[in-house]
Protein backbone atom coordinates (compact mmCIF):
# COMPACT_ATOMS: atom_id res chain seq x y z
CA UNK A 1 -4.14 -93.17 85.74
CA UNK A 2 -7.15 -91.49 84.22
CA UNK A 3 -8.83 -92.53 80.99
CA UNK A 4 -10.19 -90.00 78.51
CA UNK A 5 -14.01 -90.20 78.69
CA UNK A 6 -14.20 -90.26 74.86
CA UNK A 7 -11.99 -93.34 74.75
CA UNK A 8 -14.07 -94.98 77.50
CA UNK A 9 -17.26 -94.11 75.62
CA UNK A 10 -15.92 -95.72 72.45
CA UNK A 11 -15.09 -98.86 74.44
CA UNK A 12 -18.62 -98.89 75.87
CA UNK A 13 -20.14 -98.46 72.43
CA UNK A 14 -18.04 -101.33 71.10
CA UNK A 15 -19.06 -103.53 74.04
CA UNK A 16 -22.73 -102.76 73.41
CA UNK A 17 -22.38 -103.63 69.72
CA UNK A 18 -20.65 -106.91 70.59
CA UNK A 19 -23.41 -107.71 73.08
CA UNK A 20 -26.03 -107.17 70.36
CA UNK A 21 -24.16 -109.49 68.01
CA UNK A 22 -23.84 -112.16 70.73
CA UNK A 23 -27.51 -111.85 71.71
CA UNK A 24 -28.67 -112.15 68.11
CA UNK A 25 -26.56 -115.31 67.65
CA UNK A 26 -27.50 -116.80 71.03
CA UNK A 27 -27.30 -120.59 71.22
CA UNK A 28 -29.73 -121.27 74.00
CA UNK A 29 -30.10 -120.35 77.63
CA UNK A 30 -26.85 -119.53 79.40
CA UNK A 31 -24.83 -118.98 76.22
CA UNK A 32 -21.29 -118.20 77.45
CA UNK A 33 -20.71 -115.74 74.60
CA UNK A 34 -23.74 -113.69 75.63
CA UNK A 35 -22.71 -113.87 79.27
CA UNK A 36 -19.18 -112.68 78.46
CA UNK A 37 -20.57 -109.83 76.36
CA UNK A 38 -22.93 -108.89 79.21
CA UNK A 39 -20.04 -108.56 81.65
CA UNK A 40 -17.96 -106.68 79.08
CA UNK A 41 -20.75 -104.09 78.82
CA UNK A 42 -20.93 -103.78 82.61
CA UNK A 43 -17.17 -103.35 82.91
CA UNK A 44 -16.96 -100.84 80.06
CA UNK A 45 -19.84 -98.86 81.53
CA UNK A 46 -18.16 -98.62 84.93
CA UNK A 47 -14.93 -97.40 83.32
CA UNK A 48 -16.87 -94.81 81.33
CA UNK A 49 -18.86 -93.62 84.34
CA UNK A 50 -15.71 -93.36 86.46
CA UNK A 51 -13.78 -91.49 83.76
CA UNK A 52 -16.70 -89.10 83.22
CA UNK A 53 -16.79 -88.34 86.93
CA UNK A 54 -13.04 -87.96 87.19
CA UNK A 55 -12.84 -85.60 84.19
CA UNK A 56 -16.02 -83.54 84.64
CA UNK A 57 -17.58 -84.36 88.01
CA UNK A 58 -20.57 -85.89 86.22
CA UNK A 59 -22.17 -89.33 86.19
CA UNK A 60 -24.77 -91.06 84.06
CA UNK A 61 -28.29 -91.81 85.30
CA UNK A 62 -27.58 -95.53 84.95
CA UNK A 63 -26.25 -98.21 87.27
CA UNK A 64 -24.94 -101.74 86.90
CA UNK A 65 -26.93 -104.46 88.62
CA UNK A 66 -24.44 -106.23 90.85
CA UNK A 67 -26.05 -109.63 91.11
CA UNK A 68 -29.31 -111.39 90.38
CA UNK A 69 -29.23 -112.82 93.91
CA UNK A 70 -29.96 -109.32 95.26
CA UNK A 71 -33.41 -109.55 93.63
CA UNK A 72 -33.97 -112.97 95.17
CA UNK A 73 -33.09 -111.58 98.62
CA UNK A 74 -35.48 -108.65 98.14
CA UNK A 75 -38.25 -111.01 97.03
CA UNK A 76 -37.71 -113.09 100.18
CA UNK A 77 -37.88 -109.95 102.33
CA UNK A 78 -41.06 -108.86 100.55
CA UNK A 79 -42.58 -112.29 101.16
CA UNK A 80 -41.77 -111.99 104.86
CA UNK A 81 -43.60 -108.66 104.96
CA UNK A 82 -46.80 -110.22 103.59
CA UNK A 83 -49.42 -111.19 106.11
CA UNK A 84 -51.10 -114.56 105.75
CA UNK A 85 -54.85 -114.22 105.93
CA UNK A 86 -56.98 -117.29 106.52
CA UNK A 87 -60.69 -117.40 105.86
């Protein structure tokens, strides 16, 4: 089942607006409303990107970050690459 890219774009726009509202009303670190809105944006973006590709063979220049832990793993690898120099 394919989704019309215009419909997917409207869903993405709505998700972005809801994320802005949640972020502006944030109630501290780890606010579940902001987190839910964050994931809604990511999901809506993926649907839009997929529908754009399916309909027109095009994609956006954006990507969804899968997990914060990926950054932590890269930082650990970068640290391993550093040489310790002693005076």
